[in-house]
C-alpha atoms as a PDB file:
ATOM      1  CA  MET A   1      10.537   3.898  15.956  1.00  0.00           C
ATOM      2  CA  LYS A   2      10.528   0.252  14.955  1.00  0.00           C
ATOM      3  CA  LEU A   3       7.231  -1.465  14.162  1.00  0.00           C
ATOM      4  CA  ASN A   4       6.771  -4.685  12.176  1.00  0.00           C
ATOM      5  CA  THR A   5      10.277  -4.459  10.750  1.00  0.00           C
ATOM      6  CA  ASP A   6      10.927  -8.221  10.757  1.00  0.00           C
ATOM      7  CA  LEU A   7       9.987  -9.322   7.240  1.00  0.00           C
ATOM      8  CA  THR A   8      10.279 -12.988   8.199  1.00  0.00           C
ATOM      9  CA  LYS A   9       7.080 -12.729  10.255  1.00  0.00           C
ATOM     10  CA  LYS A  10       3.420 -12.549   9.260  1.00  0.00           C
ATOM     11  CA  VAL A  11       1.796  -9.340  10.494  1.00  0.00           C
ATOM     12  CA  ASN A  12      -1.576  -7.682  10.142  1.00  0.00           C
ATOM     13  CA  ALA A  13      -3.437  -4.553  11.187  1.00  0.00           C
ATOM     14  CA  PHE A  14      -7.161  -3.976  11.503  1.00  0.00           C
ATOM     15  CA  PHE A  15      -8.392  -0.517  10.603  1.00  0.00           C
ATOM     16  CA  GLU A  16     -11.370  -0.325  12.944  1.00  0.00           C
ATOM     17  CA  GLN A  17      -9.387  -1.662  15.912  1.00  0.00           C
ATOM     18  CA  SER A  18      -6.446   0.744  15.631  1.00  0.00           C
ATOM     19  CA  GLN A  19      -6.177   4.342  16.798  1.00  0.00           C
ATOM     20  CA  TRP A  20      -5.099   7.433  14.907  1.00  0.00           C
ATOM     21  CA  SER A  21      -1.813   8.914  16.108  1.00  0.00           C
ATOM     22  CA  SER A  22      -0.575  12.466  15.721  1.00  0.00           C
ATOM     23  CA  SER A  23       1.960  13.769  13.216  1.00  0.00           C
ATOM     24  CA  PRO A  24       4.035  16.981  13.190  1.00  0.00           C
ATOM     25  CA  ILE A  25       1.082  18.618  11.412  1.00  0.00           C
ATOM     26  CA  LYS A  26      -2.004  18.987  13.647  1.00  0.00           C
ATOM     27  CA  GLU A  27      -4.505  18.308  10.868  1.00  0.00           C
ATOM     28  CA  VAL A  28      -2.733  15.140   9.709  1.00  0.00           C
ATOM     29  CA  LYS A  29      -3.270  11.837  11.552  1.00  0.00           C
ATOM     30  CA  ARG A  30      -1.890   8.396  10.790  1.00  0.00           C
ATOM     31  CA  LYS A  31      -2.161   4.678  11.451  1.00  0.00           C
ATOM     32  CA  VAL A  32       1.318   3.180  11.206  1.00  0.00           C
ATOM     33  CA  LEU A  33       1.479  -0.302   9.679  1.00  0.00           C
ATOM     34  CA  GLU A  34       5.250  -0.716   9.559  1.00  0.00           C
ATOM     35  CA  ARG A  35       8.033   1.735  10.321  1.00  0.00           C
ATOM     36  CA  ASP A  36      11.782   1.850  10.728  1.00  0.00           C
ATOM     37  CA  GLY A  37      12.954   5.323  11.731  1.00  0.00           C
ATOM     38  CA  GLY A  38      11.713   8.665  13.008  1.00  0.00           C
ATOM     39  CA  GLU A  39      10.067  11.327  10.864  1.00  0.00           C
ATOM     40  CA  ILE A  40      12.457  10.285   8.098  1.00  0.00           C
ATOM     41  CA  ALA A  41      11.738   6.570   7.861  1.00  0.00           C
ATOM     42  CA  ILE A  42      11.103   3.483   5.818  1.00  0.00           C
ATOM     43  CA  ALA A  43       7.395   3.216   6.456  1.00  0.00           C
ATOM     44  CA  THR A  44       3.949   2.057   5.394  1.00  0.00           C
ATOM     45  CA  THR A  45       1.147   4.183   6.813  1.00  0.00           C
ATOM     46  CA  ILE A  46      -2.503   5.061   6.387  1.00  0.00           C
ATOM     47  CA  VAL A  47      -2.637   8.855   6.570  1.00  0.00           C
ATOM     48  CA  ARG A  48      -5.723  11.015   7.076  1.00  0.00           C
ATOM     49  CA  TYR A  49      -5.729  14.653   6.040  1.00  0.00           C
ATOM     50  CA  GLU A  50      -8.480  16.738   7.622  1.00  0.00           C
ATOM     51  CA  PRO A  51     -10.149  19.385   5.403  1.00  0.00           C
ATOM     52  CA  ASN A  52      -7.883  22.355   4.734  1.00  0.00           C
ATOM     53  CA  SER A  53      -4.732  20.422   5.672  1.00  0.00           C
ATOM     54  CA  TYR A  54      -1.319  21.614   4.609  1.00  0.00           C
ATOM     55  CA  PHE A  55       1.890  19.629   4.864  1.00  0.00           C
ATOM     56  CA  SER A  56       5.321  21.212   4.544  1.00  0.00           C
ATOM     57  CA  SER A  57       7.370  20.721   1.386  1.00  0.00           C
ATOM     58  CA  HIS A  58       9.509  17.576   1.538  1.00  0.00           C
ATOM     59  CA  ILE A  59      11.835  15.555  -0.656  1.00  0.00           C
ATOM     60  CA  HIS A  60      11.276  11.846  -1.219  1.00  0.00           C
ATOM     61  CA  ASP A  61      14.814  10.637  -0.567  1.00  0.00           C
ATOM     62  CA  GLY A  62      13.809   6.988  -0.899  1.00  0.00           C
ATOM     63  CA  GLY A  63      10.745   7.494  -3.065  1.00  0.00           C
ATOM     64  CA  GLU A  64       7.050   7.771  -2.219  1.00  0.00           C
ATOM     65  CA  GLU A  65       4.205   5.510  -3.310  1.00  0.00           C
ATOM     66  CA  PHE A  66       0.578   6.170  -2.424  1.00  0.00           C
ATOM     67  CA  LEU A  67      -3.006   5.187  -3.168  1.00  0.00           C
ATOM     68  CA  VAL A  68      -5.900   7.545  -2.443  1.00  0.00           C
ATOM     69  CA  LEU A  69      -8.428   5.614  -0.349  1.00  0.00           C
ATOM     70  CA  ASP A  70     -10.965   8.356   0.287  1.00  0.00           C
ATOM     71  CA  GLY A  71     -11.510  11.999  -0.637  1.00  0.00           C
ATOM     72  CA  GLU A  72      -9.089  13.908  -2.846  1.00  0.00           C
ATOM     73  CA  PHE A  73      -5.367  14.458  -2.332  1.00  0.00           C
ATOM     74  CA  ALA A  74      -3.699  17.512  -3.883  1.00  0.00           C
ATOM     75  CA  ASP A  75      -0.343  19.248  -4.197  1.00  0.00           C
ATOM     76  CA  GLU A  76       1.222  21.887  -6.441  1.00  0.00           C
ATOM     77  CA  HIS A  77       1.373  19.343  -9.286  1.00  0.00           C
ATOM     78  CA  GLY A  78      -2.316  18.395  -9.416  1.00  0.00           C
ATOM     79  CA  ARG A  79      -5.391  16.918  -7.774  1.00  0.00           C
ATOM     80  CA  TYR A  80      -5.790  13.200  -7.192  1.00  0.00           C
ATOM     81  CA  PRO A  81      -9.260  11.734  -6.541  1.00  0.00           C
ATOM     82  CA  ILE A  82     -10.097   8.491  -4.769  1.00  0.00           C
ATOM     83  CA  GLY A  83      -8.509   5.539  -6.548  1.00  0.00           C
ATOM     84  CA  THR A  84      -5.445   7.447  -7.753  1.00  0.00           C
ATOM     85  CA  TYR A  85      -2.187   5.476  -7.579  1.00  0.00           C
ATOM     86  CA  MET A  86       1.059   7.489  -7.574  1.00  0.00           C
ATOM     87  CA  ARG A  87       4.775   6.776  -7.510  1.00  0.00           C
ATOM     88  CA  ASN A  88       7.134   9.697  -6.885  1.00  0.00           C
ATOM     89  CA  PRO A  89      10.714   8.469  -7.422  1.00  0.00           C
ATOM     90  CA  PRO A  90      13.659   9.296  -5.148  1.00  0.00           C
ATOM     91  CA  GLY A  91      14.652  12.949  -5.380  1.00  0.00           C
ATOM     92  CA  THR A  92      11.180  14.281  -6.186  1.00  0.00           C
ATOM     93  CA  SER A  93       9.360  16.663  -3.867  1.00  0.00           C
ATOM     94  CA  HIS A  94       5.951  18.207  -3.286  1.00  0.00           C
ATOM     95  CA  THR A  95       3.863  20.302  -0.893  1.00  0.00           C
ATOM     96  CA  PRO A  96       0.508  18.655  -0.071  1.00  0.00           C
ATOM     97  CA  SER A  97      -2.448  21.020   0.184  1.00  0.00           C
ATOM     98  CA  VAL A  98      -5.700  19.162   0.822  1.00  0.00           C
ATOM     99  CA  GLU A  99      -8.828  21.298   0.937  1.00  0.00           C
ATOM    100  CA  PRO A 100     -11.595  18.639   0.972  1.00  0.00           C
ATOM    101  CA  GLY A 101      -9.717  16.128   3.125  1.00  0.00           C
ATOM    102  CA  CYS A 102      -8.611  12.636   2.181  1.00  0.00           C
ATOM    103  CA  MET A 103      -7.110   9.366   3.327  1.00  0.00           C
ATOM    104  CA  ILE A 104      -4.196   7.623   1.624  1.00  0.00           C
ATOM    105  CA  LEU A 105      -2.063   4.527   1.927  1.00  0.00           C
ATOM    106  CA  VAL A 106       1.539   5.700   1.631  1.00  0.00           C
ATOM    107  CA  LYS A 107       4.839   3.816   1.459  1.00  0.00           C
ATOM    108  CA  LEU A 108       8.099   5.720   1.957  1.00  0.00           C
ATOM    109  CA  GLY A 109      11.717   4.793   1.273  1.00  0.00           C
ATOM    110  CA  GLN A 110      11.052   1.457  -0.390  1.00  0.00           C
ATOM    111  CA  PHE A 111      12.056   2.017  -4.028  1.00  0.00           C
ATOM    112  CA  GLN A 112      14.606  -0.281  -5.628  1.00  0.00           C
ATOM    113  CA  GLU A 113      17.762   1.222  -7.063  1.00  0.00           C
ATOM    114  CA  GLY A 114      17.076   2.107 -10.675  1.00  0.00           C
ATOM    115  CA  ASP A 115      13.307   2.356 -10.250  1.00  0.00           C
ATOM    116  CA  THR A 116      12.986   5.954 -11.399  1.00  0.00           C
ATOM    117  CA  SER A 117       9.765   6.051 -13.444  1.00  0.00           C
ATOM    118  CA  PRO A 118       6.971   8.267 -12.080  1.00  0.00           C
ATOM    119  CA  VAL A 119       3.508   6.675 -12.119  1.00  0.00           C
ATOM    120  CA  HIS A 120       0.097   8.367 -12.109  1.00  0.00           C
ATOM    121  CA  ILE A 121      -2.933   6.121 -12.630  1.00  0.00           C
ATOM    122  CA  ASP A 122      -6.592   6.886 -12.017  1.00  0.00           C
ATOM    123  CA  THR A 123      -7.723   3.332 -11.303  1.00  0.00           C
ATOM    124  CA  GLN A 124     -11.383   4.363 -11.455  1.00  0.00           C
ATOM    125  CA  GLN A 125     -10.943   4.946 -15.183  1.00  0.00           C
ATOM    126  CA  HIS A 126      -9.391   1.535 -15.924  1.00  0.00           C
ATOM    127  CA  LEU A 127     -11.000  -1.866 -16.336  1.00  0.00           C
ATOM    128  CA  PHE A 128     -10.053  -5.049 -14.546  1.00  0.00           C
ATOM    129  CA  VAL A 129      -8.696  -7.789 -16.817  1.00  0.00           C
ATOM    130  CA  LYS A 130      -9.317 -11.471 -16.115  1.00  0.00           C
ATOM    131  CA  ASP A 131      -6.268 -13.309 -14.777  1.00  0.00           C
ATOM    132  CA  GLU A 132      -6.128 -16.363 -17.027  1.00  0.00           C
ATOM    133  CA  ALA A 133      -3.865 -18.206 -14.578  1.00  0.00           C
ATOM    134  CA  ARG A 134      -6.123 -17.869 -11.501  1.00  0.00           C
ATOM    135  CA  ASN A 135      -9.835 -18.593 -11.254  1.00  0.00           C
ATOM    136  CA  GLY A 136     -12.003 -15.863  -9.814  1.00  0.00           C
ATOM    137  CA  VAL A 137      -9.361 -13.132 -10.181  1.00  0.00           C
ATOM    138  CA  ALA A 138      -9.249  -9.981 -12.320  1.00  0.00           C
ATOM    139  CA  ILE A 139      -6.396  -7.473 -12.161  1.00  0.00           C
ATOM    140  CA  GLN A 140      -5.303  -3.914 -12.857  1.00  0.00           C
ATOM    141  CA  LEU A 141      -1.519  -3.776 -13.182  1.00  0.00           C
ATOM    142  CA  LEU A 142      -0.169  -0.592 -11.581  1.00  0.00           C
ATOM    143  CA  HIS A 143       3.604  -1.027 -11.628  1.00  0.00           C
ATOM    144  CA  SER A 144       6.345  -3.592 -12.064  1.00  0.00           C
ATOM    145  CA  PHE A 145      10.108  -3.377 -11.744  1.00  0.00           C
ATOM    146  CA  LYS A 146      12.359  -6.436 -11.646  1.00  0.00           C
ATOM    147  CA  HIS A 147      10.692  -8.830  -9.167  1.00  0.00           C
ATOM    148  CA  GLU A 148       8.329  -6.235  -7.631  1.00  0.00           C
ATOM    149  CA  VAL A 149       4.729  -6.080  -8.910  1.00  0.00           C
ATOM    150  CA  VAL A 150       1.946  -3.759  -7.715  1.00  0.00           C
ATOM    151  CA  ARG A 151      -1.669  -4.210  -8.811  1.00  0.00           C
ATOM    152  CA  LEU A 152      -5.307  -4.107  -7.848  1.00  0.00           C
ATOM    153  CA  GLU A 153      -7.073  -7.461  -7.767  1.00  0.00           C
ATOM    154  CA  ARG A 154     -10.787  -8.155  -7.771  1.00  0.00           C
ATOM    155  CA  TRP A 155     -11.705 -11.500  -6.219  1.00  0.00           C
ATOM    156  CA  ASP A 156     -15.062 -12.985  -7.126  1.00  0.00           C
ATOM    157  CA  LYS A 157     -17.552 -13.644  -4.338  1.00  0.00           C
ATOM    158  CA  HIS A 158     -17.833 -17.185  -2.948  1.00  0.00           C
ATOM    159  CA  SER A 159     -14.318 -18.008  -4.177  1.00  0.00           C
ATOM    160  CA  THR A 160     -11.107 -19.494  -2.848  1.00  0.00           C
ATOM    161  CA  ILE A 161      -8.189 -17.378  -4.036  1.00  0.00           C
ATOM    162  CA  MET A 162      -4.603 -18.644  -3.994  1.00  0.00           C
ATOM    163  CA  LEU A 163      -1.266 -16.993  -4.730  1.00  0.00           C
ATOM    164  CA  GLU A 164       2.228 -18.432  -4.465  1.00  0.00           C
ATOM    165  CA  ASN A 165       4.740 -16.350  -2.541  1.00  0.00           C
ATOM    166  CA  THR A 166       8.328 -16.212  -3.757  1.00  0.00           C
ATOM    167  CA  GLY A 167       9.148 -12.666  -2.721  1.00  0.00           C
ATOM    168  CA  GLY A 168       6.698 -11.479  -0.081  1.00  0.00           C
ATOM    169  CA  ILE A 169       3.018 -10.508  -0.267  1.00  0.00           C
ATOM    170  CA  GLU A 170       1.322  -7.405   1.112  1.00  0.00           C
ATOM    171  CA  ILE A 171      -2.370  -6.582   0.728  1.00  0.00           C
ATOM    172  CA  LEU A 172      -4.760  -3.834   1.766  1.00  0.00           C
ATOM    173  CA  ILE A 173      -8.493  -4.457   1.472  1.00  0.00           C
ATOM    174  CA  ILE A 174     -10.042  -1.711  -0.659  1.00  0.00           C
ATOM    175  CA  ASP A 175     -13.607  -2.997  -0.695  1.00  0.00           C
ATOM    176  CA  GLY A 176     -15.463  -6.086   0.491  1.00  0.00           C
ATOM    177  CA  GLY A 177     -13.743  -8.634   2.670  1.00  0.00           C
ATOM    178  CA  CYS A 178     -12.160 -12.058   2.895  1.00  0.00           C
ATOM    179  CA  GLU A 179     -11.038 -14.707   5.373  1.00  0.00           C
ATOM    180  CA  HIS A 180      -7.419 -15.826   5.801  1.00  0.00           C
ATOM    181  CA  ASP A 181      -6.260 -18.411   8.338  1.00  0.00           C
ATOM    182  CA  GLY A 182      -9.570 -18.162  10.175  1.00  0.00           C
ATOM    183  CA  VAL A 183      -9.360 -14.358  10.480  1.00  0.00           C
ATOM    184  CA  ASN A 184     -11.761 -11.972   8.730  1.00  0.00           C
ATOM    185  CA  TYR A 185     -10.369  -8.934   6.923  1.00  0.00           C
ATOM    186  CA  THR A 186     -12.583  -6.031   5.914  1.00  0.00           C
ATOM    187  CA  LYS A 187     -12.173  -2.598   4.339  1.00  0.00           C
ATOM    188  CA  HIS A 188      -8.729  -1.025   4.916  1.00  0.00           C
ATOM    189  CA  ASP A 189      -7.371  -3.982   6.890  1.00  0.00           C
ATOM    190  CA  TRP A 190      -3.752  -4.879   6.087  1.00  0.00           C
ATOM    191  CA  LEU A 191      -1.893  -8.185   5.845  1.00  0.00           C
ATOM    192  CA  ARG A 192       1.788  -8.920   5.160  1.00  0.00           C
ATOM    193  CA  LEU A 193       3.134 -12.421   4.561  1.00  0.00           C
ATOM    194  CA  PRO A 194       6.829 -13.385   4.601  1.00  0.00           C
ATOM    195  CA  VAL A 195       8.608 -14.999   1.663  1.00  0.00           C
ATOM    196  CA  GLY A 196       7.466 -18.591   1.210  1.00  0.00           C
ATOM    197  CA  GLU A 197       4.074 -18.323   2.956  1.00  0.00           C
ATOM    198  CA  SER A 198       1.490 -18.640   0.201  1.00  0.00           C
ATOM    199  CA  LEU A 199      -1.775 -16.733   0.307  1.00  0.00           C
ATOM    200  CA  THR A 200      -5.093 -18.594   0.471  1.00  0.00           C
ATOM    201  CA  VAL A 201      -8.245 -16.599   1.138  1.00  0.00           C
ATOM    202  CA  LYS A 202     -11.981 -17.194   0.935  1.00  0.00           C
ATOM    203  CA  THR A 203     -14.331 -14.429  -0.137  1.00  0.00           C
ATOM    204  CA  GLY A 204     -17.862 -13.996   1.156  1.00  0.00           C
ATOM    205  CA  GLN A 205     -21.118 -12.791  -0.345  1.00  0.00           C
ATOM    206  CA  THR A 206     -19.576  -9.868  -2.235  1.00  0.00           C
ATOM    207  CA  ASP A 207     -16.570  -9.365  -4.485  1.00  0.00           C
ATOM    208  CA  CYS A 208     -13.392  -8.259  -2.721  1.00  0.00           C
ATOM    209  CA  ILE A 209     -11.002  -5.660  -4.144  1.00  0.00           C
ATOM    210  CA  VAL A 210      -7.464  -5.473  -2.799  1.00  0.00           C
ATOM    211  CA  TRP A 211      -4.325  -3.462  -3.427  1.00  0.00           C
ATOM    212  CA  ILE A 212      -1.533  -6.024  -3.546  1.00  0.00           C
ATOM    213  CA  LYS A 213       2.240  -5.885  -3.803  1.00  0.00           C
ATOM    214  CA  THR A 214       4.429  -8.933  -4.373  1.00  0.00           C
ATOM    215  CA  GLY A 215       8.153  -9.603  -4.682  1.00  0.00           C
ATOM    216  CA  HIS A 216       9.265  -6.474  -2.833  1.00  0.00           C
ATOM    217  CA  HIS A 217      10.623  -8.256   0.219  1.00  0.00           C
ATOM    218  CA  LEU A 218      13.544  -9.612  -1.797  1.00  0.00           C
ATOM    219  CA  HIS A 219      15.224  -6.244  -2.259  1.00  0.00           C
ATOM    220  CA  GLN A 220      14.254  -5.128   1.249  1.00  0.00           C
ATOM    221  CA  LEU A 221      15.848  -8.236   2.782  1.00  0.00           C
ATOM    222  CA  ASN A 222      18.962  -7.704   0.656  1.00  0.00           C
ATOM    223  CA  ARG A 223      19.134  -4.092   1.805  1.00  0.00           C
ATOM    224  CA  ASP A 224      18.827  -5.122   5.451  1.00  0.00           C
ATOM    225  CA  ALA A 225      21.547  -7.745   5.012  1.00  0.00           C
ATOM    226  CA  VAL A 226      23.933  -5.123   3.619  1.00  0.00           C
ATOM    227  CA  LEU A 227      23.175  -2.758   6.498  1.00  0.00           C
ATOM    228  CA  ASP A 228      23.766  -5.534   9.038  1.00  0.00           C
ATOM    229  CA  ASN A 229      27.189  -6.198   7.555  1.00  0.00           C
END
């Protein structure tokens, strides 16, 4: 399966307008945002686990990154409530077992070579810190490696938020909403901008919280160039 694999193009996905699709596990549904491959794939997906869901044990050959959007995710290593951000490096494995049900944003197969540090952050227990370089922005840094940076950002209401783009930008709305290029984005909507296309958004009557990743397209484009050759 190939979906939104061209990183030179702007793409988006709207949560309420998209349909859940099936997975090999009956109780697990997903909304695919980008994917290159079959069941073993480079992919970004919103995944919903119904109560009492069980997923077979699997190895993260290219690494796994996820953020719990709703409910509580669990495996043999622990329980992860809403707001938990995890990075499971290449070669790790687990067996999800989700009794209460949950929804997560998950990215597979997108780790850079040498990025081997596991990450486990309960973002609900951390404070946002004012970004001194950008008005109306506060951040929680989640991970950085070389040019790739992952964070939560809180954008003040009634603000215009700008961000230069030297390595790709990807955002998922966690709470609130914003407007970009005349299009409104609300909770769990997704936007990906290619290298060089800066981000300018306007927030509305409430603060907007987003999960945001920058810089990661550089190593993905380099990887694709090597594969093409």
